[in-house]
Protein backbone atom coordinates (compact mmCIF):
# COMPACT_ATOMS: atom_id res chain seq x y z
CA UNK A 1 125.50 225.47 148.18
CA UNK A 2 122.26 225.70 149.81
CA UNK A 3 120.85 223.89 152.76
CA UNK A 4 117.99 221.39 152.72
CA UNK A 5 115.74 224.02 154.24
CA UNK A 6 116.05 226.33 151.42
CA UNK A 7 115.64 223.85 148.70
CA UNK A 8 112.18 223.28 147.00
CA UNK A 9 110.71 219.87 146.79
CA UNK A 10 111.62 219.72 143.19
CA UNK A 11 115.17 220.30 143.67
CA UNK A 12 115.15 217.59 146.27
CA UNK A 13 113.40 215.06 143.86
CA UNK A 14 115.90 216.14 141.11
CA UNK A 15 118.85 215.55 143.30
CA UNK A 16 117.38 212.18 144.47
CA UNK A 17 116.83 211.13 140.85
CA UNK A 18 120.49 212.03 139.85
CA UNK A 19 121.89 210.22 142.99
CA UNK A 20 119.52 207.07 141.66
CA UNK A 21 121.00 207.30 138.39
CA UNK A 22 124.57 207.49 139.58
CA UNK A 23 123.77 204.51 141.95
CA UNK A 24 122.45 202.54 139.10
CA UNK A 25 125.53 203.30 137.03
CA UNK A 26 127.68 202.27 139.75
CA UNK A 27 125.81 199.03 140.50
CA UNK A 28 125.94 198.14 136.79
CA UNK A 29 129.74 198.88 136.48
CA UNK A 30 130.26 196.53 139.64
CA UNK A 31 128.18 193.89 138.26
CA UNK A 32 130.15 193.93 135.01
CA UNK A 33 133.45 193.67 136.75
CA UNK A 34 132.20 190.71 138.83
CA UNK A 35 131.03 188.76 135.74
CA UNK A 36 133.65 186.32 135.45
CA UNK A 37 132.21 184.55 132.45
CA UNK A 38 131.87 187.82 130.56
CA UNK A 39 135.48 188.95 131.56
CA UNK A 40 136.79 185.53 130.28
CA UNK A 41 134.97 185.81 127.05
CA UNK A 42 136.31 189.35 126.44
CA UNK A 43 139.84 188.10 127.30
CA UNK A 44 139.34 185.24 124.85
CA UNK A 45 138.33 187.45 122.03
CA UNK A 46 141.16 189.82 122.78
CA UNK A 47 143.76 187.07 122.68
CA UNK A 48 142.18 185.78 119.42
CA UNK A 49 142.22 189.06 117.78
CA UNK A 50 146.07 189.46 118.75
CA UNK A 51 146.72 185.84 117.56
CA UNK A 52 144.96 186.76 114.27
CA UNK A 53 147.20 189.87 113.91
CA UNK A 54 150.32 187.85 114.75
CA UNK A 55 149.33 185.01 112.14
CA UNK A 56 148.85 187.70 109.46
CA UNK A 57 152.15 189.10 110.19
CA UNK A 58 153.99 185.74 110.19
CA UNK A 59 152.20 184.91 106.75
CA UNK A 60 153.34 188.21 105.27
CA UNK A 61 156.84 187.63 106.55
CA UNK A 62 156.83 183.92 105.27
CA UNK A 63 155.67 185.22 101.77
CA UNK A 64 158.32 187.84 101.75
CA UNK A 65 161.12 185.34 102.71
CA UNK A 66 159.92 182.93 100.08
CA UNK A 67 159.90 185.56 97.44
CA UNK A 68 163.46 186.48 98.40
CA UNK A 69 164.53 182.75 98.32
CA UNK A 70 163.01 182.08 94.90
CA UNK A 71 164.84 185.26 93.73
CA UNK A 72 167.98 184.29 94.99
CA UNK A 73 167.81 180.64 93.99
CA UNK A 74 169.51 179.39 90.80
CA UNK A 75 166.95 178.67 88.06
CA UNK A 76 168.54 175.62 86.69
CA UNK A 77 170.76 172.82 87.93
CA UNK A 78 173.53 174.12 85.73
CA UNK A 79 173.39 177.53 87.47
CA UNK A 80 173.56 175.70 90.90
CA UNK A 81 176.49 173.71 89.60
CA UNK A 82 178.28 176.88 88.42
CA UNK A 83 177.47 178.50 91.60
CA UNK A 84 179.00 175.68 93.51
CA UNK A 85 182.33 175.82 91.49
CA UNK A 86 182.53 179.58 92.15
CA UNK A 87 182.40 179.32 95.76
CA UNK A 88 182.73 175.50 96.97
CA UNK A 89 183.32 176.33 100.72
CA UNK A 90 179.72 176.43 101.79
CA UNK A 91 178.90 173.30 99.85
CA UNK A 92 181.91 171.35 101.23
CA UNK A 93 180.93 172.56 104.71
CA UNK A 94 177.29 171.35 104.31
CA UNK A 95 178.62 168.09 102.90
CA UNK A 96 180.97 167.58 105.89
CA UNK A 97 178.11 168.29 108.23
CA UNK A 98 175.77 165.84 106.47
CA UNK A 99 178.54 163.20 106.62
CA UNK A 100 179.24 163.77 110.18
CA UNK A 101 175.62 163.48 111.03
CA UNK A 102 175.22 160.29 109.12
CA UNK A 103 178.23 158.58 110.61
CA UNK A 104 177.02 159.61 114.18
CA UNK A 105 173.67 158.02 113.47
CA UNK A 106 175.26 154.84 112.19
CA UNK A 107 177.47 154.60 115.21
CA UNK A 108 174.63 155.15 117.58
CA UNK A 109 173.03 151.88 116.55
């Protein structure tokens, strides 16, 4: 690097202008970081975008589960009755749980 005595005035002016531009960029970056309102708005927008993505994922999952439930559900009461006759344990357990809950509620009064 050359010393100041060996630089031409144009080189010095160029360095000064470059330093001013760098300083301007630095000041702008510091001002942006200290703008709390702008930072909060950016964070809100980020959270909104993440929530939107999560909501879309949840809707898709709910639709998928709904489609699976429709496919697995019996189409008529006769099919449901036949299914209960083939495997009565889940229905008996569900009935016992419901009866226990009803009895518990009645006794709490």
